[in-house]
Amino acid sequence: MTSKRRGNNKERRGREERRFTVRGIRRDSPDIRKLSKALLGLAMAMAEAELEAQAQQAARQPEVEATSSNTEVRQG
């Protein structure tokens, strides 16, 4: 008689909805180092996203100018 192997529980766990709760720890004074690291990380991520958006816009702009100049030549 062969025994049936059960599937890996990790596979099933990944499909289920997960709920997380976060509880704060009450402290007298905030941890300035942790706050500053979080703030700097956020600022760097925002600056990087802005630079990427500007680079993408700059890459698209010559294409738009080229197509608009081609239509002006054809019409003129």
N, C-alpha and C. Protein backbone atom coordinates (compact mmCIF):
# COMPACT_ATOMS: atom_id res chain seq x y z
N MET A 1 0.84 -1.15 0.00
CA MET A 1 0.00 0.00 0.00
C MET A 1 0.90 1.24 0.00
N THR A 2 0.66 2.16 -0.93
CA THR A 2 1.48 3.36 -1.01
C THR A 2 0.84 4.49 -0.22
N SER A 3 1.68 5.25 0.41
CA SER A 3 1.15 6.39 1.18
C SER A 3 1.11 7.62 0.29
N LYS A 4 0.10 8.43 0.47
CA LYS A 4 -0.03 9.66 -0.32
C LYS A 4 0.74 10.76 0.38
N ARG A 5 1.55 11.45 -0.39
CA ARG A 5 2.31 12.57 0.18
C ARG A 5 1.47 13.82 0.07
N ARG A 6 1.46 14.55 1.12
CA ARG A 6 0.72 15.80 1.10
C ARG A 6 1.58 16.87 0.46
N GLY A 7 0.91 17.82 -0.20
CA GLY A 7 1.63 18.91 -0.84
C GLY A 7 2.31 19.80 0.17
N ASN A 8 3.19 20.59 -0.33
CA ASN A 8 3.94 21.50 0.51
C ASN A 8 3.02 22.61 1.02
N ASN A 9 3.02 22.86 2.30
CA ASN A 9 2.15 23.89 2.88
C ASN A 9 2.51 25.29 2.42
N LYS A 10 3.75 25.49 2.02
CA LYS A 10 4.18 26.81 1.58
C LYS A 10 3.44 27.23 0.33
N GLU A 11 3.15 26.30 -0.56
CA GLU A 11 2.43 26.63 -1.78
C GLU A 11 1.03 27.13 -1.45
N ARG A 12 0.37 26.46 -0.55
CA ARG A 12 -0.98 26.83 -0.18
C ARG A 12 -0.99 28.16 0.57
N ARG A 13 0.00 28.38 1.40
CA ARG A 13 0.08 29.61 2.17
C ARG A 13 0.20 30.84 1.28
N GLY A 14 0.89 30.72 0.16
CA GLY A 14 1.10 31.85 -0.72
C GLY A 14 -0.18 32.32 -1.38
N ARG A 15 -1.14 31.45 -1.55
CA ARG A 15 -2.39 31.80 -2.21
C ARG A 15 -3.40 32.40 -1.24
N GLU A 16 -3.25 32.13 0.03
CA GLU A 16 -4.20 32.63 1.02
C GLU A 16 -3.98 34.13 1.25
N GLU A 17 -5.05 34.78 1.65
CA GLU A 17 -4.93 36.19 1.98
C GLU A 17 -4.22 36.33 3.32
N ARG A 18 -3.30 37.25 3.38
CA ARG A 18 -2.54 37.46 4.61
C ARG A 18 -2.90 38.81 5.19
N ARG A 19 -2.99 38.87 6.47
CA ARG A 19 -3.26 40.12 7.15
C ARG A 19 -2.15 40.38 8.17
N PHE A 20 -1.63 41.59 8.12
CA PHE A 20 -0.56 41.96 9.03
C PHE A 20 -1.05 43.05 9.97
N THR A 21 -0.60 43.00 11.17
CA THR A 21 -0.87 44.07 12.11
C THR A 21 0.45 44.62 12.61
N VAL A 22 0.46 45.91 12.83
CA VAL A 22 1.67 46.57 13.32
C VAL A 22 1.31 47.28 14.62
N ARG A 23 2.08 47.05 15.62
CA ARG A 23 1.86 47.70 16.90
C ARG A 23 3.09 48.53 17.25
N GLY A 24 2.83 49.74 17.63
CA GLY A 24 3.92 50.63 18.00
C GLY A 24 4.39 50.38 19.41
N ILE A 25 5.63 50.70 19.65
CA ILE A 25 6.21 50.59 21.00
C ILE A 25 6.28 51.99 21.57
N ARG A 26 5.65 52.19 22.70
CA ARG A 26 5.63 53.50 23.34
C ARG A 26 6.99 53.80 23.94
N ARG A 27 7.59 54.90 23.52
CA ARG A 27 8.89 55.31 24.05
C ARG A 27 8.83 56.78 24.44
N ASP A 28 9.70 57.16 25.33
CA ASP A 28 9.72 58.55 25.79
C ASP A 28 10.17 59.49 24.68
N SER A 29 11.25 59.16 24.01
CA SER A 29 11.74 60.02 22.94
C SER A 29 11.89 59.18 21.66
N PRO A 30 11.67 59.80 20.50
CA PRO A 30 11.80 59.04 19.25
C PRO A 30 13.25 58.71 18.95
N ASP A 31 13.45 57.64 18.19
CA ASP A 31 14.80 57.23 17.79
C ASP A 31 15.19 58.08 16.58
N ILE A 32 15.96 59.10 16.81
CA ILE A 32 16.33 60.06 15.77
C ILE A 32 17.12 59.40 14.65
N ARG A 33 17.96 58.45 14.97
CA ARG A 33 18.76 57.78 13.93
C ARG A 33 17.87 57.01 12.96
N LYS A 34 16.90 56.27 13.51
CA LYS A 34 16.00 55.51 12.64
C LYS A 34 15.14 56.45 11.80
N LEU A 35 14.64 57.52 12.41
CA LEU A 35 13.84 58.47 11.67
C LEU A 35 14.64 59.15 10.56
N SER A 36 15.89 59.51 10.86
CA SER A 36 16.71 60.18 9.85
C SER A 36 17.04 59.23 8.70
N LYS A 37 17.31 57.96 9.01
CA LYS A 37 17.58 56.99 7.95
C LYS A 37 16.35 56.80 7.06
N ALA A 38 15.18 56.73 7.68
CA ALA A 38 13.95 56.56 6.91
C ALA A 38 13.69 57.78 6.04
N LEU A 39 13.90 58.97 6.59
CA LEU A 39 13.68 60.20 5.83
C LEU A 39 14.66 60.33 4.67
N LEU A 40 15.92 60.03 4.92
CA LEU A 40 16.91 60.10 3.85
C LEU A 40 16.63 59.07 2.75
N GLY A 41 16.23 57.88 3.15
CA GLY A 41 15.89 56.85 2.17
C GLY A 41 14.71 57.26 1.32
N LEU A 42 13.72 57.86 1.94
CA LEU A 42 12.55 58.33 1.20
C LEU A 42 12.92 59.45 0.24
N ALA A 43 13.72 60.40 0.71
CA ALA A 43 14.15 61.51 -0.14
C ALA A 43 14.97 61.02 -1.32
N MET A 44 15.85 60.06 -1.09
CA MET A 44 16.67 59.52 -2.18
C MET A 44 15.80 58.78 -3.20
N ALA A 45 14.83 58.02 -2.73
CA ALA A 45 13.95 57.30 -3.64
C ALA A 45 13.11 58.27 -4.48
N MET A 46 12.64 59.34 -3.84
CA MET A 46 11.85 60.33 -4.58
C MET A 46 12.71 61.05 -5.62
N ALA A 47 13.94 61.40 -5.25
CA ALA A 47 14.84 62.08 -6.19
C ALA A 47 15.18 61.17 -7.36
N GLU A 48 15.41 59.89 -7.08
CA GLU A 48 15.72 58.94 -8.15
C GLU A 48 14.54 58.77 -9.09
N ALA A 49 13.34 58.70 -8.54
CA ALA A 49 12.14 58.56 -9.38
C ALA A 49 11.95 59.80 -10.25
N GLU A 50 12.23 60.97 -9.68
CA GLU A 50 12.09 62.21 -10.44
C GLU A 50 13.11 62.27 -11.58
N LEU A 51 14.35 61.85 -11.30
CA LEU A 51 15.37 61.84 -12.35
C LEU A 51 15.01 60.86 -13.47
N GLU A 52 14.47 59.71 -13.11
CA GLU A 52 14.05 58.74 -14.12
C GLU A 52 12.93 59.30 -14.98
N ALA A 53 11.99 60.00 -14.36
CA ALA A 53 10.88 60.59 -15.11
C ALA A 53 11.40 61.67 -16.06
N GLN A 54 12.35 62.47 -15.60
CA GLN A 54 12.92 63.51 -16.46
C GLN A 54 13.69 62.88 -17.62
N ALA A 55 14.42 61.81 -17.35
CA ALA A 55 15.18 61.14 -18.41
C ALA A 55 14.24 60.53 -19.45
N GLN A 56 13.15 59.93 -18.99
CA GLN A 56 12.19 59.36 -19.93
C GLN A 56 11.52 60.46 -20.76
N GLN A 57 11.20 61.58 -20.13
CA GLN A 57 10.58 62.68 -20.85
C GLN A 57 11.56 63.26 -21.87
N ALA A 58 12.83 63.37 -21.50
CA ALA A 58 13.84 63.89 -22.41
C ALA A 58 14.06 62.93 -23.58
N ALA A 59 13.96 61.65 -23.32
CA ALA A 59 14.13 60.67 -24.40
C ALA A 59 12.95 60.71 -25.37
N ARG A 60 11.77 61.01 -24.86
CA ARG A 60 10.58 61.08 -25.72
C ARG A 60 10.51 62.38 -26.50
N GLN A 61 11.04 63.45 -25.95
CA GLN A 61 10.90 64.77 -26.55
C GLN A 61 11.53 64.86 -27.95
N PRO A 62 12.73 64.35 -28.21
CA PRO A 62 13.28 64.42 -29.57
C PRO A 62 12.40 63.67 -30.58
N GLU A 63 11.77 62.58 -30.14
CA GLU A 63 10.89 61.85 -31.04
C GLU A 63 9.68 62.70 -31.41
N VAL A 64 9.14 63.42 -30.46
CA VAL A 64 7.97 64.27 -30.70
C VAL A 64 8.36 65.42 -31.62
N GLU A 65 9.52 66.03 -31.37
CA GLU A 65 9.98 67.13 -32.22
C GLU A 65 10.26 66.65 -33.63
N ALA A 66 10.81 65.46 -33.78
CA ALA A 66 11.11 64.92 -35.11
C ALA A 66 9.82 64.66 -35.88
N THR A 67 8.83 64.12 -35.24
CA THR A 67 7.57 63.85 -35.93
C THR A 67 6.83 65.13 -36.25
N SER A 68 6.90 66.13 -35.38
CA SER A 68 6.21 67.40 -35.66
C SER A 68 6.92 68.16 -36.78
N SER A 69 8.24 68.09 -36.86
CA SER A 69 8.96 68.77 -37.94
C SER A 69 8.72 68.07 -39.28
N ASN A 70 8.55 66.76 -39.27
CA ASN A 70 8.23 66.04 -40.49
C ASN A 70 6.85 66.40 -41.01
N THR A 71 5.90 66.61 -40.16
CA THR A 71 4.55 66.97 -40.60
C THR A 71 4.54 68.41 -41.11
N GLU A 72 5.36 69.30 -40.53
CA GLU A 72 5.42 70.67 -41.02
C GLU A 72 6.02 70.72 -42.41
N VAL A 73 7.03 69.91 -42.68
CA VAL A 73 7.66 69.89 -43.99
C VAL A 73 6.69 69.36 -45.02
N ARG A 74 5.94 68.34 -44.70
CA ARG A 74 4.99 67.76 -45.63
C ARG A 74 3.86 68.73 -45.95
N GLN A 75 3.44 69.51 -44.96
CA GLN A 75 2.34 70.44 -45.19
C GLN A 75 2.80 71.68 -45.96
N GLY A 76 4.04 72.09 -45.77
CA GLY A 76 4.55 73.32 -46.34
C GLY A 76 4.93 73.18 -47.73
